[in-house]
């Protein structure tokens, strides 16, 4: 099921989308909702943040390193600006 259809199938999300965006869930507003949420997620000084900033020590555990490797080799968003 497509993301918009999944969101539209939940009555609480339908109501919230109408209150916030003035209409039913749609792709444009779903992207706006997700990006608004993501902007609230701030860290700036986690081990992973330091790794991305060039700290050679990187994350202290293997899973974050492996996740970054998978993201860079398999993610469809490989045109992101940090690449």
PDB file of N, CA and C in Angstrom:
ATOM      1  N   UNK A   1       0.842  -1.173   0.000  1.00  0.00           N
ATOM      2  CA  UNK A   1       0.000   0.000   0.000  1.00  0.00           C
ATOM      3  C   UNK A   1       0.896   1.249   0.000  1.00  0.00           C
ATOM      4  N   UNK A   2       0.560   2.224  -0.790  1.00  0.00           N
ATOM      5  CA  UNK A   2       1.329   3.453  -0.881  1.00  0.00           C
ATOM      6  C   UNK A   2       1.216   4.262   0.407  1.00  0.00           C
ATOM      7  N   UNK A   3       2.256   5.036   0.743  1.00  0.00           N
ATOM      8  CA  UNK A   3       2.237   5.792   2.001  1.00  0.00           C
ATOM      9  C   UNK A   3       1.011   6.693   2.172  1.00  0.00           C
ATOM     10  N   UNK A   4       0.599   7.410   1.137  1.00  0.00           N
ATOM     11  CA  UNK A   4      -0.558   8.299   1.270  1.00  0.00           C
ATOM     12  C   UNK A   4      -1.811   7.484   1.558  1.00  0.00           C
ATOM     13  N   UNK A   5      -1.967   6.360   0.897  1.00  0.00           N
ATOM     14  CA  UNK A   5      -3.137   5.506   1.132  1.00  0.00           C
ATOM     15  C   UNK A   5      -3.133   4.965   2.557  1.00  0.00           C
ATOM     16  N   UNK A   6      -1.958   4.624   3.063  1.00  0.00           N
ATOM     17  CA  UNK A   6      -1.869   4.117   4.445  1.00  0.00           C
ATOM     18  C   UNK A   6      -2.257   5.203   5.439  1.00  0.00           C
ATOM     19  N   UNK A   7      -1.775   6.413   5.212  1.00  0.00           N
ATOM     20  CA  UNK A   7      -2.115   7.533   6.091  1.00  0.00           C
ATOM     21  C   UNK A   7      -3.611   7.847   5.991  1.00  0.00           C
ATOM     22  N   UNK A   8      -4.131   7.864   4.770  1.00  0.00           N
ATOM     23  CA  UNK A   8      -5.540   8.188   4.549  1.00  0.00           C
ATOM     24  C   UNK A   8      -6.478   7.153   5.158  1.00  0.00           C
ATOM     25  N   UNK A   9      -5.979   5.957   5.415  1.00  0.00           N
ATOM     26  CA  UNK A   9      -6.807   4.892   5.987  1.00  0.00           C
ATOM     27  C   UNK A   9      -6.980   5.029   7.501  1.00  0.00           C
ATOM     28  N   UNK A  10      -6.273   5.959   8.120  1.00  0.00           N
ATOM     29  CA  UNK A  10      -6.348   6.131   9.573  1.00  0.00           C
ATOM     30  C   UNK A  10      -7.182   7.381   9.868  1.00  0.00           C
ATOM     31  N   UNK A  11      -8.341   7.212  10.492  1.00  0.00           N
ATOM     32  CA  UNK A  11      -9.230   8.351  10.736  1.00  0.00           C
ATOM     33  C   UNK A  11      -8.559   9.517  11.476  1.00  0.00           C
ATOM     34  N   UNK A  12      -7.715   9.213  12.447  1.00  0.00           N
ATOM     35  CA  UNK A  12      -7.048  10.282  13.201  1.00  0.00           C
ATOM     36  C   UNK A  12      -6.132  11.105  12.292  1.00  0.00           C
ATOM     37  N   UNK A  13      -5.458  10.450  11.349  1.00  0.00           N
ATOM     38  CA  UNK A  13      -4.597  11.171  10.417  1.00  0.00           C
ATOM     39  C   UNK A  13      -5.435  12.003   9.452  1.00  0.00           C
ATOM     40  N   UNK A  14      -6.566  11.462   9.008  1.00  0.00           N
ATOM     41  CA  UNK A  14      -7.445  12.225   8.130  1.00  0.00           C
ATOM     42  C   UNK A  14      -7.869  13.522   8.818  1.00  0.00           C
ATOM     43  N   UNK A  15      -8.286  13.395  10.067  1.00  0.00           N
ATOM     44  CA  UNK A  15      -8.732  14.564  10.826  1.00  0.00           C
ATOM     45  C   UNK A  15      -7.590  15.575  11.006  1.00  0.00           C
ATOM     46  N   UNK A  16      -6.415  15.072  11.357  1.00  0.00           N
ATOM     47  CA  UNK A  16      -5.273  15.961  11.575  1.00  0.00           C
ATOM     48  C   UNK A  16      -4.855  16.657  10.292  1.00  0.00           C
ATOM     49  N   UNK A  17      -4.830  15.932   9.186  1.00  0.00           N
ATOM     50  CA  UNK A  17      -4.465  16.552   7.911  1.00  0.00           C
ATOM     51  C   UNK A  17      -5.465  17.653   7.553  1.00  0.00           C
ATOM     52  N   UNK A  18      -6.732  17.415   7.803  1.00  0.00           N
ATOM     53  CA  UNK A  18      -7.735  18.438   7.499  1.00  0.00           C
ATOM     54  C   UNK A  18      -7.529  19.680   8.367  1.00  0.00           C
ATOM     55  N   UNK A  19      -7.195  19.466   9.638  1.00  0.00           N
ATOM     56  CA  UNK A  19      -6.966  20.603  10.541  1.00  0.00           C
ATOM     57  C   UNK A  19      -5.711  21.375  10.151  1.00  0.00           C
ATOM     58  N   UNK A  20      -4.636  20.657   9.850  1.00  0.00           N
ATOM     59  CA  UNK A  20      -3.348  21.299   9.592  1.00  0.00           C
ATOM     60  C   UNK A  20      -3.235  21.827   8.162  1.00  0.00           C
ATOM     61  N   UNK A  21      -3.639  21.015   7.191  1.00  0.00           N
ATOM     62  CA  UNK A  21      -3.416  21.367   5.788  1.00  0.00           C
ATOM     63  C   UNK A  21      -4.691  21.775   5.046  1.00  0.00           C
ATOM     64  N   UNK A  22      -5.838  21.632   5.695  1.00  0.00           N
ATOM     65  CA  UNK A  22      -7.083  22.062   5.062  1.00  0.00           C
ATOM     66  C   UNK A  22      -7.679  21.087   4.078  1.00  0.00           C
ATOM     67  N   UNK A  23      -7.199  19.859   4.060  1.00  0.00           N
ATOM     68  CA  UNK A  23      -7.736  18.866   3.137  1.00  0.00           C
ATOM     69  C   UNK A  23      -7.285  17.474   3.518  1.00  0.00           C
ATOM     70  N   UNK A  24      -7.687  16.473   2.739  1.00  0.00           N
ATOM     71  CA  UNK A  24      -7.311  15.099   3.036  1.00  0.00           C
ATOM     72  C   UNK A  24      -5.823  14.855   2.778  1.00  0.00           C
ATOM     73  N   UNK A  25      -5.292  13.759   3.304  1.00  0.00           N
ATOM     74  CA  UNK A  25      -3.883  13.433   3.062  1.00  0.00           C
ATOM     75  C   UNK A  25      -3.586  13.337   1.563  1.00  0.00           C
ATOM     76  N   UNK A  26      -2.454  13.912   1.175  1.00  0.00           N
ATOM     77  CA  UNK A  26      -1.975  13.817  -0.204  1.00  0.00           C
ATOM     78  C   UNK A  26      -0.453  13.809  -0.145  1.00  0.00           C
ATOM     79  N   UNK A  27       0.172  13.494  -1.251  1.00  0.00           N
ATOM     80  CA  UNK A  27       1.626  13.324  -1.277  1.00  0.00           C
ATOM     81  C   UNK A  27       2.357  14.604  -0.878  1.00  0.00           C
ATOM     82  N   UNK A  28       1.939  15.733  -1.392  1.00  0.00           N
ATOM     83  CA  UNK A  28       2.621  16.998  -1.102  1.00  0.00           C
ATOM     84  C   UNK A  28       2.586  17.306   0.392  1.00  0.00           C
ATOM     85  N   UNK A  29       1.414  17.187   0.990  1.00  0.00           N
ATOM     86  CA  UNK A  29       1.297  17.499   2.411  1.00  0.00           C
ATOM     87  C   UNK A  29       1.951  16.447   3.295  1.00  0.00           C
ATOM     88  N   UNK A  30       1.994  15.205   2.846  1.00  0.00           N
ATOM     89  CA  UNK A  30       2.700  14.176   3.604  1.00  0.00           C
ATOM     90  C   UNK A  30       4.190  14.515   3.665  1.00  0.00           C
ATOM     91  N   UNK A  31       4.754  14.931   2.545  1.00  0.00           N
ATOM     92  CA  UNK A  31       6.161  15.342   2.531  1.00  0.00           C
ATOM     93  C   UNK A  31       6.360  16.537   3.452  1.00  0.00           C
ATOM     94  N   UNK A  32       5.451  17.502   3.408  1.00  0.00           N
ATOM     95  CA  UNK A  32       5.558  18.671   4.296  1.00  0.00           C
ATOM     96  C   UNK A  32       5.506  18.250   5.755  1.00  0.00           C
ATOM     97  N   UNK A  33       4.629  17.311   6.099  1.00  0.00           N
ATOM     98  CA  UNK A  33       4.519  16.853   7.485  1.00  0.00           C
ATOM     99  C   UNK A  33       5.800  16.153   7.930  1.00  0.00           C
ATOM    100  N   UNK A  34       6.335  15.302   7.085  1.00  0.00           N
ATOM    101  CA  UNK A  34       7.559  14.572   7.437  1.00  0.00           C
ATOM    102  C   UNK A  34       8.736  15.529   7.580  1.00  0.00           C
ATOM    103  N   UNK A  35       8.886  16.460   6.656  1.00  0.00           N
ATOM    104  CA  UNK A  35      10.019  17.380   6.751  1.00  0.00           C
ATOM    105  C   UNK A  35       9.880  18.312   7.948  1.00  0.00           C
ATOM    106  N   UNK A  36       8.662  18.694   8.291  1.00  0.00           N
ATOM    107  CA  UNK A  36       8.463  19.511   9.493  1.00  0.00           C
ATOM    108  C   UNK A  36       8.889  18.744  10.732  1.00  0.00           C
ATOM    109  N   UNK A  37       8.531  17.475  10.793  1.00  0.00           N
ATOM    110  CA  UNK A  37       8.938  16.635  11.922  1.00  0.00           C
ATOM    111  C   UNK A  37      10.461  16.487  11.954  1.00  0.00           C
ATOM    112  N   UNK A  38      11.059  16.200  10.814  1.00  0.00           N
ATOM    113  CA  UNK A  38      12.506  15.982  10.779  1.00  0.00           C
ATOM    114  C   UNK A  38      13.288  17.209  11.233  1.00  0.00           C
ATOM    115  N   UNK A  39      12.773  18.398  10.952  1.00  0.00           N
ATOM    116  CA  UNK A  39      13.460  19.607  11.393  1.00  0.00           C
ATOM    117  C   UNK A  39      13.490  19.734  12.912  1.00  0.00           C
ATOM    118  N   UNK A  40      12.629  19.008  13.609  1.00  0.00           N
ATOM    119  CA  UNK A  40      12.631  19.071  15.075  1.00  0.00           C
ATOM    120  C   UNK A  40      13.648  18.121  15.683  1.00  0.00           C
ATOM    121  N   UNK A  41      14.222  17.252  14.880  1.00  0.00           N
ATOM    122  CA  UNK A  41      15.154  16.245  15.375  1.00  0.00           C
ATOM    123  C   UNK A  41      16.579  16.775  15.305  1.00  0.00           C
ATOM    124  N   UNK A  42      17.045  17.342  16.405  1.00  0.00           N
ATOM    125  CA  UNK A  42      18.363  17.957  16.450  1.00  0.00           C
ATOM    126  C   UNK A  42      19.298  17.139  17.329  1.00  0.00           C
ATOM    127  N   UNK A  43      20.529  17.052  16.926  1.00  0.00           N
ATOM    128  CA  UNK A  43      21.509  16.327  17.718  1.00  0.00           C
ATOM    129  C   UNK A  43      22.795  17.143  17.799  1.00  0.00           C
ATOM    130  N   UNK A  44      23.510  17.237  16.736  1.00  0.00           N
ATOM    131  CA  UNK A  44      24.720  18.040  16.567  1.00  0.00           C
ATOM    132  C   UNK A  44      25.979  17.511  17.247  1.00  0.00           C
ATOM    133  N   UNK A  45      25.877  16.703  18.272  1.00  0.00           N
ATOM    134  CA  UNK A  45      27.106  16.271  18.925  1.00  0.00           C
ATOM    135  C   UNK A  45      27.091  14.790  19.299  1.00  0.00           C
ATOM    136  N   UNK A  46      26.364  13.996  18.532  1.00  0.00           N
ATOM    137  CA  UNK A  46      26.383  12.559  18.781  1.00  0.00           C
ATOM    138  C   UNK A  46      27.654  11.978  18.157  1.00  0.00           C
ATOM    139  N   UNK A  47      28.035  10.769  18.532  1.00  0.00           N
ATOM    140  CA  UNK A  47      29.195  10.156  17.874  1.00  0.00           C
ATOM    141  C   UNK A  47      29.042  10.113  16.351  1.00  0.00           C
ATOM    142  N   UNK A  48      27.831   9.862  15.880  1.00  0.00           N
ATOM    143  CA  UNK A  48      27.621   9.814  14.430  1.00  0.00           C
ATOM    144  C   UNK A  48      27.796  11.199  13.818  1.00  0.00           C
ATOM    145  N   UNK A  49      27.289  12.248  14.487  1.00  0.00           N
ATOM    146  CA  UNK A  49      27.484  13.612  13.986  1.00  0.00           C
ATOM    147  C   UNK A  49      28.970  13.936  13.866  1.00  0.00           C
ATOM    148  N   UNK A  50      29.749  13.549  14.869  1.00  0.00           N
ATOM    149  CA  UNK A  50      31.190  13.807  14.829  1.00  0.00           C
ATOM    150  C   UNK A  50      31.851  13.034  13.698  1.00  0.00           C
ATOM    151  N   UNK A  51      31.392  11.803  13.473  1.00  0.00           N
ATOM    152  CA  UNK A  51      31.909  10.983  12.370  1.00  0.00           C
ATOM    153  C   UNK A  51      31.643  11.669  11.029  1.00  0.00           C
ATOM    154  N   UNK A  52      30.405  12.142  10.807  1.00  0.00           N
ATOM    155  CA  UNK A  52      30.047  12.813   9.556  1.00  0.00           C
ATOM    156  C   UNK A  52      30.862  14.095   9.385  1.00  0.00           C
ATOM    157  N   UNK A  53      31.176  14.748  10.503  1.00  0.00           N
ATOM    158  CA  UNK A  53      31.951  15.990  10.458  1.00  0.00           C
ATOM    159  C   UNK A  53      33.433  15.749  10.208  1.00  0.00           C
ATOM    160  N   UNK A  54      33.857  14.475  10.170  1.00  0.00           N
ATOM    161  CA  UNK A  54      35.239  14.173   9.844  1.00  0.00           C
ATOM    162  C   UNK A  54      36.084  13.657  10.984  1.00  0.00           C
ATOM    163  N   UNK A  55      35.494  13.461  12.156  1.00  0.00           N
ATOM    164  CA  UNK A  55      36.232  12.898  13.287  1.00  0.00           C
ATOM    165  C   UNK A  55      36.629  11.472  12.931  1.00  0.00           C
ATOM    166  N   UNK A  56      37.909  11.192  12.905  1.00  0.00           N
ATOM    167  CA  UNK A  56      38.397   9.889  12.460  1.00  0.00           C
ATOM    168  C   UNK A  56      38.006   8.752  13.389  1.00  0.00           C
ATOM    169  N   UNK A  57      37.644   9.070  14.618  1.00  0.00           N
ATOM    170  CA  UNK A  57      37.248   8.010  15.550  1.00  0.00           C
ATOM    171  C   UNK A  57      35.901   7.412  15.176  1.00  0.00           C
ATOM    172  N   UNK A  58      35.015   8.218  14.625  1.00  0.00           N
ATOM    173  CA  UNK A  58      33.716   7.739  14.175  1.00  0.00           C
ATOM    174  C   UNK A  58      32.869   7.180  15.296  1.00  0.00           C
ATOM    175  N   UNK A  59      31.756   6.549  14.940  1.00  0.00           N
ATOM    176  CA  UNK A  59      30.899   5.941  15.957  1.00  0.00           C
ATOM    177  C   UNK A  59      31.668   4.891  16.736  1.00  0.00           C
ATOM    178  N   UNK A  60      31.323   4.743  18.000  1.00  0.00           N
ATOM    179  CA  UNK A  60      32.057   3.812  18.844  1.00  0.00           C
ATOM    180  C   UNK A  60      31.611   2.369  18.668  1.00  0.00           C
ATOM    181  N   UNK A  61      30.543   2.143  17.934  1.00  0.00           N
ATOM    182  CA  UNK A  61      30.058   0.782  17.720  1.00  0.00           C
ATOM    183  C   UNK A  61      29.942   0.494  16.231  1.00  0.00           C
ATOM    184  N   UNK A  62      29.939  -0.756  15.888  1.00  0.00           N
ATOM    185  CA  UNK A  62      29.879  -1.170  14.493  1.00  0.00           C
ATOM    186  C   UNK A  62      28.524  -0.898  13.828  1.00  0.00           C
ATOM    187  N   UNK A  63      27.372  -1.099  14.485  1.00  0.00           N
ATOM    188  CA  UNK A  63      26.099  -0.893  13.777  1.00  0.00           C
ATOM    189  C   UNK A  63      25.945   0.478  13.110  1.00  0.00           C
ATOM    190  N   UNK A  64      26.318   1.601  13.764  1.00  0.00           N
ATOM    191  CA  UNK A  64      26.190   2.867  13.040  1.00  0.00           C
ATOM    192  C   UNK A  64      27.089   2.937  11.805  1.00  0.00           C
ATOM    193  N   UNK A  65      28.288   2.411  11.904  1.00  0.00           N
ATOM    194  CA  UNK A  65      29.185   2.413  10.745  1.00  0.00           C
ATOM    195  C   UNK A  65      28.590   1.574   9.624  1.00  0.00           C
ATOM    196  N   UNK A  66      28.084   0.407   9.973  1.00  0.00           N
ATOM    197  CA  UNK A  66      27.494  -0.482   8.970  1.00  0.00           C
ATOM    198  C   UNK A  66      26.254   0.158   8.343  1.00  0.00           C
ATOM    199  N   UNK A  67      25.440   0.824   9.164  1.00  0.00           N
ATOM    200  CA  UNK A  67      24.257   1.506   8.644  1.00  0.00           C
ATOM    201  C   UNK A  67      24.626   2.576   7.641  1.00  0.00           C
ATOM    202  N   UNK A  68      25.681   3.320   7.931  1.00  0.00           N
ATOM    203  CA  UNK A  68      26.144   4.364   7.014  1.00  0.00           C
ATOM    204  C   UNK A  68      26.634   3.739   5.712  1.00  0.00           C
ATOM    205  N   UNK A  69      27.348   2.643   5.810  1.00  0.00           N
ATOM    206  CA  UNK A  69      27.814   1.958   4.602  1.00  0.00           C
ATOM    207  C   UNK A  69      26.636   1.493   3.759  1.00  0.00           C
ATOM    208  N   UNK A  70      25.636   0.880   4.398  1.00  0.00           N
ATOM    209  CA  UNK A  70      24.458   0.412   3.658  1.00  0.00           C
ATOM    210  C   UNK A  70      23.715   1.580   3.023  1.00  0.00           C
ATOM    211  N   UNK A  71      23.576   2.654   3.761  1.00  0.00           N
ATOM    212  CA  UNK A  71      22.884   3.826   3.229  1.00  0.00           C
ATOM    213  C   UNK A  71      23.574   4.322   1.966  1.00  0.00           C
ATOM    214  N   UNK A  72      24.874   4.380   2.000  1.00  0.00           N
ATOM    215  CA  UNK A  72      25.626   4.910   0.861  1.00  0.00           C
ATOM    216  C   UNK A  72      25.710   3.955  -0.316  1.00  0.00           C
ATOM    217  N   UNK A  73      25.519   2.683  -0.075  1.00  0.00           N
ATOM    218  CA  UNK A  73      25.614   1.733  -1.189  1.00  0.00           C
ATOM    219  C   UNK A  73      24.260   1.311  -1.732  1.00  0.00           C
ATOM    220  N   UNK A  74      23.212   1.382  -0.921  1.00  0.00           N
ATOM    221  CA  UNK A  74      21.910   0.873  -1.356  1.00  0.00           C
ATOM    222  C   UNK A  74      20.796   1.896  -1.396  1.00  0.00           C
ATOM    223  N   UNK A  75      20.991   3.041  -0.799  1.00  0.00           N
ATOM    224  CA  UNK A  75      19.914   4.027  -0.712  1.00  0.00           C
ATOM    225  C   UNK A  75      19.647   4.653  -2.073  1.00  0.00           C
ATOM    226  N   UNK A  76      18.381   4.864  -2.374  1.00  0.00           N
ATOM    227  CA  UNK A  76      18.030   5.491  -3.646  1.00  0.00           C
ATOM    228  C   UNK A  76      18.269   6.991  -3.623  1.00  0.00           C
ATOM    229  N   UNK A  77      18.663   7.527  -2.484  1.00  0.00           N
ATOM    230  CA  UNK A  77      18.899   8.968  -2.368  1.00  0.00           C
ATOM    231  C   UNK A  77      20.384   9.290  -2.446  1.00  0.00           C
ATOM    232  N   UNK A  78      21.111   8.602  -3.303  1.00  0.00           N
ATOM    233  CA  UNK A  78      22.547   8.780  -3.341  1.00  0.00           C
ATOM    234  C   UNK A  78      22.996  10.106  -3.928  1.00  0.00           C
ATOM    235  N   UNK A  79      22.081  10.957  -4.290  1.00  0.00           N
ATOM    236  CA  UNK A  79      22.441  12.269  -4.812  1.00  0.00           C
ATOM    237  C   UNK A  79      22.373  13.334  -3.729  1.00  0.00           C
ATOM    238  N   UNK A  80      22.322  12.940  -2.480  1.00  0.00           N
ATOM    239  CA  UNK A  80      22.216  13.897  -1.394  1.00  0.00           C
ATOM    240  C   UNK A  80      23.484  14.745  -1.315  1.00  0.00           C
ATOM    241  N   UNK A  81      23.377  15.987  -0.817  1.00  0.00           N
ATOM    242  CA  UNK A  81      24.492  16.933  -0.865  1.00  0.00           C
ATOM    243  C   UNK A  81      25.728  16.531  -0.079  1.00  0.00           C
ATOM    244  N   UNK A  82      25.614  15.675   0.923  1.00  0.00           N
ATOM    245  CA  UNK A  82      26.800  15.327   1.702  1.00  0.00           C
ATOM    246  C   UNK A  82      27.683  14.303   1.013  1.00  0.00           C
ATOM    247  N   UNK A  83      27.267  13.819  -0.115  1.00  0.00           N
ATOM    248  CA  UNK A  83      28.026  12.788  -0.820  1.00  0.00           C
ATOM    249  C   UNK A  83      29.186  13.371  -1.563  1.00  0.00           C
TER     250      UNK A  83
END
